[in-house]
Amino acid sequence: MELLFVTLAGAILGLGARYFLPHRHTHGAALLPAIGVAVASALWVGLTWVGLKWNGGWIWTITLVGTAVIVVVIDLVVGRVRTNADTVLLANLSKGAPLPH
């Protein structure tokens, strides 16, 4: 049952990152919530495998803080890479250069 709550928290953290961070126009609406769910689930399962108890505070803290950090980093990296790629593509198209493959 706790894994369900963790995945829900990961989705909520992903949604928060989507709407509170810049670059939301550079990726789809489901990308960050899906990454939040995947990261939160993987962290939770990994931490239970190393022996942390599901009813302890550390497993929740590490999972939620780790998920938030990873989602923020992914949003910033994907946004920056996509913006730079779009700028290069616009410059190439403006010159009449052929599209890169």
PDB file of N, CA and C in Angstrom:
ATOM      1  N   MET A   1       0.814  -1.186   0.000  1.00  0.00           N
ATOM      2  CA  MET A   1       0.000   0.000   0.000  1.00  0.00           C
ATOM      3  C   MET A   1       0.864   1.259   0.000  1.00  0.00           C
ATOM      4  N   GLU A   2       1.987   1.214   0.678  1.00  0.00           N
ATOM      5  CA  GLU A   2       2.864   2.383   0.728  1.00  0.00           C
ATOM      6  C   GLU A   2       3.429   2.712  -0.642  1.00  0.00           C
ATOM      7  N   LEU A   3       3.685   1.690  -1.448  1.00  0.00           N
ATOM      8  CA  LEU A   3       4.204   1.934  -2.795  1.00  0.00           C
ATOM      9  C   LEU A   3       3.200   2.733  -3.618  1.00  0.00           C
ATOM     10  N   LEU A   4       1.916   2.503  -3.401  1.00  0.00           N
ATOM     11  CA  LEU A   4       0.888   3.292  -4.080  1.00  0.00           C
ATOM     12  C   LEU A   4       0.983   4.758  -3.675  1.00  0.00           C
ATOM     13  N   PHE A   5       1.159   5.023  -2.391  1.00  0.00           N
ATOM     14  CA  PHE A   5       1.296   6.403  -1.925  1.00  0.00           C
ATOM     15  C   PHE A   5       2.573   7.053  -2.453  1.00  0.00           C
ATOM     16  N   VAL A   6       3.629   6.278  -2.536  1.00  0.00           N
ATOM     17  CA  VAL A   6       4.895   6.802  -3.053  1.00  0.00           C
ATOM     18  C   VAL A   6       4.763   7.162  -4.530  1.00  0.00           C
ATOM     19  N   THR A   7       4.104   6.312  -5.310  1.00  0.00           N
ATOM     20  CA  THR A   7       3.932   6.630  -6.734  1.00  0.00           C
ATOM     21  C   THR A   7       3.029   7.846  -6.912  1.00  0.00           C
ATOM     22  N   LEU A   8       2.023   7.973  -6.088  1.00  0.00           N
ATOM     23  CA  LEU A   8       1.167   9.161  -6.136  1.00  0.00           C
ATOM     24  C   LEU A   8       1.966  10.418  -5.789  1.00  0.00           C
ATOM     25  N   ALA A   9       2.803  10.329  -4.776  1.00  0.00           N
ATOM     26  CA  ALA A   9       3.648  11.468  -4.409  1.00  0.00           C
ATOM     27  C   ALA A   9       4.621  11.809  -5.531  1.00  0.00           C
ATOM     28  N   GLY A  10       5.172  10.801  -6.199  1.00  0.00           N
ATOM     29  CA  GLY A  10       6.056  11.056  -7.331  1.00  0.00           C
ATOM     30  C   GLY A  10       5.334  11.765  -8.464  1.00  0.00           C
ATOM     31  N   ALA A  11       4.100  11.357  -8.740  1.00  0.00           N
ATOM     32  CA  ALA A  11       3.314  12.022  -9.777  1.00  0.00           C
ATOM     33  C   ALA A  11       3.016  13.470  -9.397  1.00  0.00           C
ATOM     34  N   ILE A  12       2.696  13.712  -8.135  1.00  0.00           N
ATOM     35  CA  ILE A  12       2.414  15.072  -7.677  1.00  0.00           C
ATOM     36  C   ILE A  12       3.670  15.934  -7.741  1.00  0.00           C
ATOM     37  N   LEU A  13       4.809  15.387  -7.361  1.00  0.00           N
ATOM     38  CA  LEU A  13       6.066  16.141  -7.476  1.00  0.00           C
ATOM     39  C   LEU A  13       6.375  16.462  -8.939  1.00  0.00           C
ATOM     40  N   GLY A  14       6.127  15.500  -9.833  1.00  0.00           N
ATOM     41  CA  GLY A  14       6.328  15.745 -11.256  1.00  0.00           C
ATOM     42  C   GLY A  14       5.398  16.813 -11.796  1.00  0.00           C
ATOM     43  N   LEU A  15       4.145  16.791 -11.372  1.00  0.00           N
ATOM     44  CA  LEU A  15       3.203  17.827 -11.800  1.00  0.00           C
ATOM     45  C   LEU A  15       3.623  19.194 -11.283  1.00  0.00           C
ATOM     46  N   GLY A  16       4.068  19.218 -10.026  1.00  0.00           N
ATOM     47  CA  GLY A  16       4.540  20.486  -9.464  1.00  0.00           C
ATOM     48  C   GLY A  16       5.721  21.034 -10.238  1.00  0.00           C
ATOM     49  N   ALA A  17       6.649  20.158 -10.582  1.00  0.00           N
ATOM     50  CA  ALA A  17       7.810  20.598 -11.361  1.00  0.00           C
ATOM     51  C   ALA A  17       7.375  21.088 -12.731  1.00  0.00           C
ATOM     52  N   ARG A  18       6.412  20.430 -13.318  1.00  0.00           N
ATOM     53  CA  ARG A  18       5.927  20.842 -14.649  1.00  0.00           C
ATOM     54  C   ARG A  18       5.392  22.261 -14.621  1.00  0.00           C
ATOM     55  N   TYR A  19       4.649  22.627 -13.598  1.00  0.00           N
ATOM     56  CA  TYR A  19       3.980  23.926 -13.593  1.00  0.00           C
ATOM     57  C   TYR A  19       4.705  25.010 -12.820  1.00  0.00           C
ATOM     58  N   PHE A  20       5.698  24.660 -12.012  1.00  0.00           N
ATOM     59  CA  PHE A  20       6.413  25.686 -11.255  1.00  0.00           C
ATOM     60  C   PHE A  20       7.808  25.987 -11.792  1.00  0.00           C
ATOM     61  N   LEU A  21       8.292  25.179 -12.722  1.00  0.00           N
ATOM     62  CA  LEU A  21       9.626  25.397 -13.284  1.00  0.00           C
ATOM     63  C   LEU A  21       9.511  25.911 -14.716  1.00  0.00           C
ATOM     64  N   PRO A  22      10.570  26.548 -15.207  1.00  0.00           N
ATOM     65  CA  PRO A  22      10.534  27.024 -16.592  1.00  0.00           C
ATOM     66  C   PRO A  22      10.619  25.860 -17.580  1.00  0.00           C
ATOM     67  N   HIS A  23      10.514  26.172 -18.822  1.00  0.00           N
ATOM     68  CA  HIS A  23      10.678  25.230 -19.934  1.00  0.00           C
ATOM     69  C   HIS A  23       9.508  24.268 -20.092  1.00  0.00           C
ATOM     70  N   ARG A  24       8.340  24.585 -19.532  1.00  0.00           N
ATOM     71  CA  ARG A  24       7.227  23.636 -19.677  1.00  0.00           C
ATOM     72  C   ARG A  24       6.776  23.507 -21.115  1.00  0.00           C
ATOM     73  N   HIS A  25       7.104  24.494 -21.941  1.00  0.00           N
ATOM     74  CA  HIS A  25       6.729  24.450 -23.357  1.00  0.00           C
ATOM     75  C   HIS A  25       7.652  23.545 -24.182  1.00  0.00           C
ATOM     76  N   THR A  26       8.698  23.009 -23.563  1.00  0.00           N
ATOM     77  CA  THR A  26       9.651  22.202 -24.323  1.00  0.00           C
ATOM     78  C   THR A  26       9.445  20.701 -24.192  1.00  0.00           C
ATOM     79  N   HIS A  27       8.497  20.272 -23.378  1.00  0.00           N
ATOM     80  CA  HIS A  27       8.242  18.837 -23.251  1.00  0.00           C
ATOM     81  C   HIS A  27       6.762  18.596 -22.987  1.00  0.00           C
ATOM     82  N   GLY A  28       6.354  17.373 -23.126  1.00  0.00           N
ATOM     83  CA  GLY A  28       4.954  17.008 -22.984  1.00  0.00           C
ATOM     84  C   GLY A  28       4.456  17.093 -21.551  1.00  0.00           C
ATOM     85  N   ALA A  29       3.145  17.105 -21.419  1.00  0.00           N
ATOM     86  CA  ALA A  29       2.515  17.261 -20.108  1.00  0.00           C
ATOM     87  C   ALA A  29       2.750  16.065 -19.191  1.00  0.00           C
ATOM     88  N   ALA A  30       2.962  14.889 -19.748  1.00  0.00           N
ATOM     89  CA  ALA A  30       3.090  13.689 -18.925  1.00  0.00           C
ATOM     90  C   ALA A  30       4.533  13.296 -18.627  1.00  0.00           C
ATOM     91  N   LEU A  31       5.505  13.992 -19.227  1.00  0.00           N
ATOM     92  CA  LEU A  31       6.896  13.571 -19.065  1.00  0.00           C
ATOM     93  C   LEU A  31       7.348  13.630 -17.602  1.00  0.00           C
ATOM     94  N   LEU A  32       7.243  14.778 -16.976  1.00  0.00           N
ATOM     95  CA  LEU A  32       7.747  14.915 -15.605  1.00  0.00           C
ATOM     96  C   LEU A  32       6.943  14.109 -14.585  1.00  0.00           C
ATOM     97  N   PRO A  33       5.602  14.065 -14.668  1.00  0.00           N
ATOM     98  CA  PRO A  33       4.897  13.173 -13.739  1.00  0.00           C
ATOM     99  C   PRO A  33       5.282  11.701 -13.915  1.00  0.00           C
ATOM    100  N   ALA A  34       5.490  11.267 -15.160  1.00  0.00           N
ATOM    101  CA  ALA A  34       5.895   9.876 -15.393  1.00  0.00           C
ATOM    102  C   ALA A  34       7.291   9.615 -14.827  1.00  0.00           C
ATOM    103  N   ILE A  35       8.186  10.563 -15.002  1.00  0.00           N
ATOM    104  CA  ILE A  35       9.528  10.413 -14.433  1.00  0.00           C
ATOM    105  C   ILE A  35       9.452  10.413 -12.906  1.00  0.00           C
ATOM    106  N   GLY A  36       8.605  11.266 -12.346  1.00  0.00           N
ATOM    107  CA  GLY A  36       8.422  11.284 -10.894  1.00  0.00           C
ATOM    108  C   GLY A  36       7.933   9.956 -10.355  1.00  0.00           C
ATOM    109  N   VAL A  37       6.975   9.346 -11.051  1.00  0.00           N
ATOM    110  CA  VAL A  37       6.457   8.043 -10.631  1.00  0.00           C
ATOM    111  C   VAL A  37       7.557   6.986 -10.712  1.00  0.00           C
ATOM    112  N   ALA A  38       8.278   6.959 -11.824  1.00  0.00           N
ATOM    113  CA  ALA A  38       9.319   5.942 -12.013  1.00  0.00           C
ATOM    114  C   ALA A  38      10.442   6.096 -10.986  1.00  0.00           C
ATOM    115  N   VAL A  39      10.885   7.319 -10.774  1.00  0.00           N
ATOM    116  CA  VAL A  39      11.997   7.543  -9.839  1.00  0.00           C
ATOM    117  C   VAL A  39      11.570   7.234  -8.402  1.00  0.00           C
ATOM    118  N   ALA A  40      10.388   7.706  -8.014  1.00  0.00           N
ATOM    119  CA  ALA A  40       9.918   7.444  -6.644  1.00  0.00           C
ATOM    120  C   ALA A  40       9.762   5.946  -6.396  1.00  0.00           C
ATOM    121  N   SER A  41       9.213   5.238  -7.362  1.00  0.00           N
ATOM    122  CA  SER A  41       9.034   3.790  -7.208  1.00  0.00           C
ATOM    123  C   SER A  41      10.382   3.074  -7.113  1.00  0.00           C
ATOM    124  N   ALA A  42      11.304   3.444  -7.994  1.00  0.00           N
ATOM    125  CA  ALA A  42      12.615   2.799  -7.995  1.00  0.00           C
ATOM    126  C   ALA A  42      13.376   3.095  -6.698  1.00  0.00           C
ATOM    127  N   LEU A  43      13.327   4.334  -6.246  1.00  0.00           N
ATOM    128  CA  LEU A  43      14.002   4.666  -4.987  1.00  0.00           C
ATOM    129  C   LEU A  43      13.384   3.900  -3.821  1.00  0.00           C
ATOM    130  N   TRP A  44      12.077   3.852  -3.765  1.00  0.00           N
ATOM    131  CA  TRP A  44      11.399   3.161  -2.663  1.00  0.00           C
ATOM    132  C   TRP A  44      11.770   1.684  -2.624  1.00  0.00           C
ATOM    133  N   VAL A  45      11.681   1.037  -3.772  1.00  0.00           N
ATOM    134  CA  VAL A  45      11.992  -0.392  -3.825  1.00  0.00           C
ATOM    135  C   VAL A  45      13.464  -0.622  -3.489  1.00  0.00           C
ATOM    136  N   GLY A  46      14.340   0.211  -4.047  1.00  0.00           N
ATOM    137  CA  GLY A  46      15.762   0.073  -3.748  1.00  0.00           C
ATOM    138  C   GLY A  46      16.065   0.255  -2.269  1.00  0.00           C
ATOM    139  N   LEU A  47      15.411   1.220  -1.649  1.00  0.00           N
ATOM    140  CA  LEU A  47      15.650   1.457  -0.224  1.00  0.00           C
ATOM    141  C   LEU A  47      15.080   0.348   0.647  1.00  0.00           C
ATOM    142  N   THR A  48      13.980  -0.251   0.226  1.00  0.00           N
ATOM    143  CA  THR A  48      13.470  -1.390   1.004  1.00  0.00           C
ATOM    144  C   THR A  48      14.391  -2.594   0.849  1.00  0.00           C
ATOM    145  N   TRP A  49      14.987  -2.750  -0.323  1.00  0.00           N
ATOM    146  CA  TRP A  49      15.921  -3.865  -0.533  1.00  0.00           C
ATOM    147  C   TRP A  49      17.180  -3.723   0.322  1.00  0.00           C
ATOM    148  N   VAL A  50      17.613  -2.482   0.562  1.00  0.00           N
ATOM    149  CA  VAL A  50      18.801  -2.306   1.394  1.00  0.00           C
ATOM    150  C   VAL A  50      18.476  -2.343   2.886  1.00  0.00           C
ATOM    151  N   GLY A  51      17.195  -2.501   3.219  1.00  0.00           N
ATOM    152  CA  GLY A  51      16.843  -2.737   4.604  1.00  0.00           C
ATOM    153  C   GLY A  51      16.121  -1.634   5.337  1.00  0.00           C
ATOM    154  N   LEU A  52      15.799  -0.525   4.687  1.00  0.00           N
ATOM    155  CA  LEU A  52      15.042   0.510   5.389  1.00  0.00           C
ATOM    156  C   LEU A  52      13.602   0.050   5.571  1.00  0.00           C
ATOM    157  N   LYS A  53      13.048   0.335   6.724  1.00  0.00           N
ATOM    158  CA  LYS A  53      11.680  -0.072   7.029  1.00  0.00           C
ATOM    159  C   LYS A  53      10.688   0.890   6.378  1.00  0.00           C
ATOM    160  N   TRP A  54       9.599   0.353   5.857  1.00  0.00           N
ATOM    161  CA  TRP A  54       8.613   1.161   5.151  1.00  0.00           C
ATOM    162  C   TRP A  54       7.892   2.142   6.057  1.00  0.00           C
ATOM    163  N   ASN A  55       7.887   1.900   7.361  1.00  0.00           N
ATOM    164  CA  ASN A  55       7.208   2.805   8.283  1.00  0.00           C
ATOM    165  C   ASN A  55       8.175   3.767   8.979  1.00  0.00           C
ATOM    166  N   GLY A  56       9.411   3.828   8.497  1.00  0.00           N
ATOM    167  CA  GLY A  56      10.393   4.751   9.059  1.00  0.00           C
ATOM    168  C   GLY A  56      10.384   6.081   8.319  1.00  0.00           C
ATOM    169  N   GLY A  57      10.909   7.064   8.954  1.00  0.00           N
ATOM    170  CA  GLY A  57      10.917   8.389   8.347  1.00  0.00           C
ATOM    171  C   GLY A  57      11.975   8.574   7.266  1.00  0.00           C
ATOM    172  N   TRP A  58      13.098   7.868   7.409  1.00  0.00           N
ATOM    173  CA  TRP A  58      14.188   8.060   6.455  1.00  0.00           C
ATOM    174  C   TRP A  58      13.829   7.604   5.050  1.00  0.00           C
ATOM    175  N   ILE A  59      13.116   6.508   4.922  1.00  0.00           N
ATOM    176  CA  ILE A  59      12.770   6.018   3.597  1.00  0.00           C
ATOM    177  C   ILE A  59      11.866   7.017   2.872  1.00  0.00           C
ATOM    178  N   TRP A  60      10.948   7.633   3.608  1.00  0.00           N
ATOM    179  CA  TRP A  60      10.069   8.639   3.003  1.00  0.00           C
ATOM    180  C   TRP A  60      10.854   9.890   2.636  1.00  0.00           C
ATOM    181  N   THR A  61      11.721  10.332   3.526  1.00  0.00           N
ATOM    182  CA  THR A  61      12.501  11.547   3.268  1.00  0.00           C
ATOM    183  C   THR A  61      13.420  11.364   2.064  1.00  0.00           C
ATOM    184  N   ILE A  62      14.165  10.275   2.043  1.00  0.00           N
ATOM    185  CA  ILE A  62      15.100  10.031   0.936  1.00  0.00           C
ATOM    186  C   ILE A  62      14.346   9.884  -0.377  1.00  0.00           C
ATOM    187  N   THR A  63      13.234   9.160  -0.354  1.00  0.00           N
ATOM    188  CA  THR A  63      12.468   8.942  -1.580  1.00  0.00           C
ATOM    189  C   THR A  63      11.897  10.245  -2.116  1.00  0.00           C
ATOM    190  N   LEU A  64      11.254  11.030  -1.275  1.00  0.00           N
ATOM    191  CA  LEU A  64      10.591  12.245  -1.758  1.00  0.00           C
ATOM    192  C   LEU A  64      11.594  13.340  -2.137  1.00  0.00           C
ATOM    193  N   VAL A  65      12.623  13.521  -1.325  1.00  0.00           N
ATOM    194  CA  VAL A  65      13.634  14.533  -1.658  1.00  0.00           C
ATOM    195  C   VAL A  65      14.415  14.105  -2.905  1.00  0.00           C
ATOM    196  N   GLY A  66      14.784  12.848  -2.980  1.00  0.00           N
ATOM    197  CA  GLY A  66      15.497  12.353  -4.159  1.00  0.00           C
ATOM    198  C   GLY A  66      14.670  12.494  -5.428  1.00  0.00           C
ATOM    199  N   THR A  67      13.395  12.170  -5.344  1.00  0.00           N
ATOM    200  CA  THR A  67      12.509  12.321  -6.499  1.00  0.00           C
ATOM    201  C   THR A  67      12.404  13.776  -6.918  1.00  0.00           C
ATOM    202  N   ALA A  68      12.226  14.660  -5.966  1.00  0.00           N
ATOM    203  CA  ALA A  68      12.117  16.082  -6.291  1.00  0.00           C
ATOM    204  C   ALA A  68      13.383  16.599  -6.965  1.00  0.00           C
ATOM    205  N   VAL A  69      14.533  16.230  -6.441  1.00  0.00           N
ATOM    206  CA  VAL A  69      15.798  16.692  -7.021  1.00  0.00           C
ATOM    207  C   VAL A  69      15.959  16.171  -8.451  1.00  0.00           C
ATOM    208  N   ILE A  70      15.688  14.900  -8.662  1.00  0.00           N
ATOM    209  CA  ILE A  70      15.867  14.317  -9.996  1.00  0.00           C
ATOM    210  C   ILE A  70      14.892  14.920 -10.996  1.00  0.00           C
ATOM    211  N   VAL A  71      13.658  15.140 -10.591  1.00  0.00           N
ATOM    212  CA  VAL A  71      12.668  15.724 -11.500  1.00  0.00           C
ATOM    213  C   VAL A  71      13.059  17.155 -11.869  1.00  0.00           C
ATOM    214  N   VAL A  72      13.538  17.919 -10.913  1.00  0.00           N
ATOM    215  CA  VAL A  72      13.965  19.298 -11.200  1.00  0.00           C
ATOM    216  C   VAL A  72      15.149  19.301 -12.159  1.00  0.00           C
ATOM    217  N   VAL A  73      16.131  18.453 -11.903  1.00  0.00           N
ATOM    218  CA  VAL A  73      17.308  18.393 -12.778  1.00  0.00           C
ATOM    219  C   VAL A  73      16.902  17.988 -14.194  1.00  0.00           C
ATOM    220  N   ILE A  74      16.042  16.996 -14.320  1.00  0.00           N
ATOM    221  CA  ILE A  74      15.615  16.556 -15.647  1.00  0.00           C
ATOM    222  C   ILE A  74      14.859  17.665 -16.367  1.00  0.00           C
ATOM    223  N   ASP A  75      13.993  18.385 -15.657  1.00  0.00           N
ATOM    224  CA  ASP A  75      13.276  19.494 -16.290  1.00  0.00           C
ATOM    225  C   ASP A  75      14.244  20.548 -16.809  1.00  0.00           C
ATOM    226  N   LEU A  76      15.204  20.913 -16.002  1.00  0.00           N
ATOM    227  CA  LEU A  76      16.148  21.955 -16.415  1.00  0.00           C
ATOM    228  C   LEU A  76      17.040  21.496 -17.566  1.00  0.00           C
ATOM    229  N   VAL A  77      17.501  20.260 -17.525  1.00  0.00           N
ATOM    230  CA  VAL A  77      18.370  19.746 -18.590  1.00  0.00           C
ATOM    231  C   VAL A  77      17.605  19.579 -19.894  1.00  0.00           C
ATOM    232  N   VAL A  78      16.449  18.934 -19.830  1.00  0.00           N
ATOM    233  CA  VAL A  78      15.660  18.731 -21.045  1.00  0.00           C
ATOM    234  C   VAL A  78      15.258  20.077 -21.647  1.00  0.00           C
ATOM    235  N   GLY A  79      14.855  21.008 -20.811  1.00  0.00           N
ATOM    236  CA  GLY A  79      14.468  22.330 -21.306  1.00  0.00           C
ATOM    237  C   GLY A  79      15.612  23.064 -21.978  1.00  0.00           C
ATOM    238  N   ARG A  80      16.786  23.016 -21.373  1.00  0.00           N
ATOM    239  CA  ARG A  80      17.940  23.705 -21.944  1.00  0.00           C
ATOM    240  C   ARG A  80      18.372  23.057 -23.258  1.00  0.00           C
ATOM    241  N   VAL A  81      18.442  21.735 -23.289  1.00  0.00           N
ATOM    242  CA  VAL A  81      18.854  21.029 -24.506  1.00  0.00           C
ATOM    243  C   VAL A  81      17.849  21.270 -25.621  1.00  0.00           C
ATOM    244  N   ARG A  82      16.584  21.177 -25.307  1.00  0.00           N
ATOM    245  CA  ARG A  82      15.545  21.364 -26.331  1.00  0.00           C
ATOM    246  C   ARG A  82      15.535  22.800 -26.849  1.00  0.00           C
ATOM    247  N   THR A  83      15.693  23.779 -25.973  1.00  0.00           N
ATOM    248  CA  THR A  83      15.720  25.178 -26.398  1.00  0.00           C
ATOM    249  C   THR A  83      16.911  25.435 -27.307  1.00  0.00           C
ATOM    250  N   ASN A  84      18.077  24.910 -26.953  1.00  0.00           N
ATOM    251  CA  ASN A  84      19.256  25.082 -27.796  1.00  0.00           C
ATOM    252  C   ASN A  84      19.079  24.407 -29.148  1.00  0.00           C
ATOM    253  N   ALA A  85      18.517  23.212 -29.157  1.00  0.00           N
ATOM    254  CA  ALA A  85      18.287  22.510 -30.421  1.00  0.00           C
ATOM    255  C   ALA A  85      17.285  23.265 -31.293  1.00  0.00           C
ATOM    256  N   ASP A  86      16.254  23.814 -30.684  1.00  0.00           N
ATOM    257  CA  ASP A  86      15.272  24.591 -31.447  1.00  0.00           C
ATOM    258  C   ASP A  86      15.895  25.859 -32.024  1.00  0.00           C
ATOM    259  N   THR A  87      16.779  26.499 -31.269  1.00  0.00           N
ATOM    260  CA  THR A  87      17.449  27.700 -31.752  1.00  0.00           C
ATOM    261  C   THR A  87      18.345  27.387 -32.950  1.00  0.00           C
ATOM    262  N   VAL A  88      19.092  26.293 -32.869  1.00  0.00           N
ATOM    263  CA  VAL A  88      19.954  25.878 -33.982  1.00  0.00           C
ATOM    264  C   VAL A  88      19.111  25.529 -35.202  1.00  0.00           C
ATOM    265  N   LEU A  89      18.031  24.808 -35.002  1.00  0.00           N
ATOM    266  CA  LEU A  89      17.168  24.433 -36.120  1.00  0.00           C
ATOM    267  C   LEU A  89      16.546  25.664 -36.769  1.00  0.00           C
ATOM    268  N   LEU A  90      16.104  26.630 -35.987  1.00  0.00           N
ATOM    269  CA  LEU A  90      15.540  27.856 -36.541  1.00  0.00           C
ATOM    270  C   LEU A  90      16.587  28.634 -37.332  1.00  0.00           C
ATOM    271  N   ALA A  91      17.805  28.684 -36.818  1.00  0.00           N
ATOM    272  CA  ALA A  91      18.874  29.385 -37.542  1.00  0.00           C
ATOM    273  C   ALA A  91      19.163  28.691 -38.867  1.00  0.00           C
ATOM    274  N   ASN A  92      19.207  27.371 -38.864  1.00  0.00           N
ATOM    275  CA  ASN A  92      19.454  26.627 -40.102  1.00  0.00           C
ATOM    276  C   ASN A  92      18.321  26.805 -41.096  1.00  0.00           C
ATOM    277  N   LEU A  93      17.098  26.773 -40.620  1.00  0.00           N
ATOM    278  CA  LEU A  93      15.959  26.951 -41.517  1.00  0.00           C
ATOM    279  C   LEU A  93      15.888  28.368 -42.068  1.00  0.00           C
ATOM    280  N   SER A  94      16.297  29.335 -41.258  1.00  0.00           N
ATOM    281  CA  SER A  94      16.283  30.724 -41.707  1.00  0.00           C
ATOM    282  C   SER A  94      17.305  30.977 -42.804  1.00  0.00           C
ATOM    283  N   LYS A  95      18.397  30.224 -42.793  1.00  0.00           N
ATOM    284  CA  LYS A  95      19.439  30.356 -43.840  1.00  0.00           C
ATOM    285  C   LYS A  95      19.083  29.583 -45.090  1.00  0.00           C
ATOM    286  N   GLY A  96      18.076  28.746 -45.016  1.00  0.00           N
ATOM    287  CA  GLY A  96      17.723  27.910 -46.137  1.00  0.00           C
ATOM    288  C   GLY A  96      18.543  26.639 -46.207  1.00  0.00           C
ATOM    289  N   ALA A  97      19.211  26.297 -45.118  1.00  0.00           N
ATOM    290  CA  ALA A  97      20.022  25.079 -45.081  1.00  0.00           C
ATOM    291  C   ALA A  97      19.097  23.864 -45.001  1.00  0.00           C
ATOM    292  N   PRO A  98      19.567  22.739 -45.502  1.00  0.00           N
ATOM    293  CA  PRO A  98      18.761  21.516 -45.408  1.00  0.00           C
ATOM    294  C   PRO A  98      18.645  21.064 -43.944  1.00  0.00           C
ATOM    295  N   LEU A  99      17.584  20.331 -43.657  1.00  0.00           N
ATOM    296  CA  LEU A  99      17.367  19.836 -42.301  1.00  0.00           C
ATOM    297  C   LEU A  99      18.405  18.801 -41.925  1.00  0.00           C
ATOM    298  N   PRO A 100      18.904  18.818 -40.686  1.00  0.00           N
ATOM    299  CA  PRO A 100      19.840  17.778 -40.243  1.00  0.00           C
ATOM    300  C   PRO A 100      19.102  16.456 -40.069  1.00  0.00           C
ATOM    301  N   HIS A 101      19.801  15.364 -40.293  1.00  0.00           N
ATOM    302  CA  HIS A 101      19.180  14.050 -40.149  1.00  0.00           C
ATOM    303  C   HIS A 101      19.575  13.415 -38.866  1.00  0.00           C
TER     304      HIS A 101
END
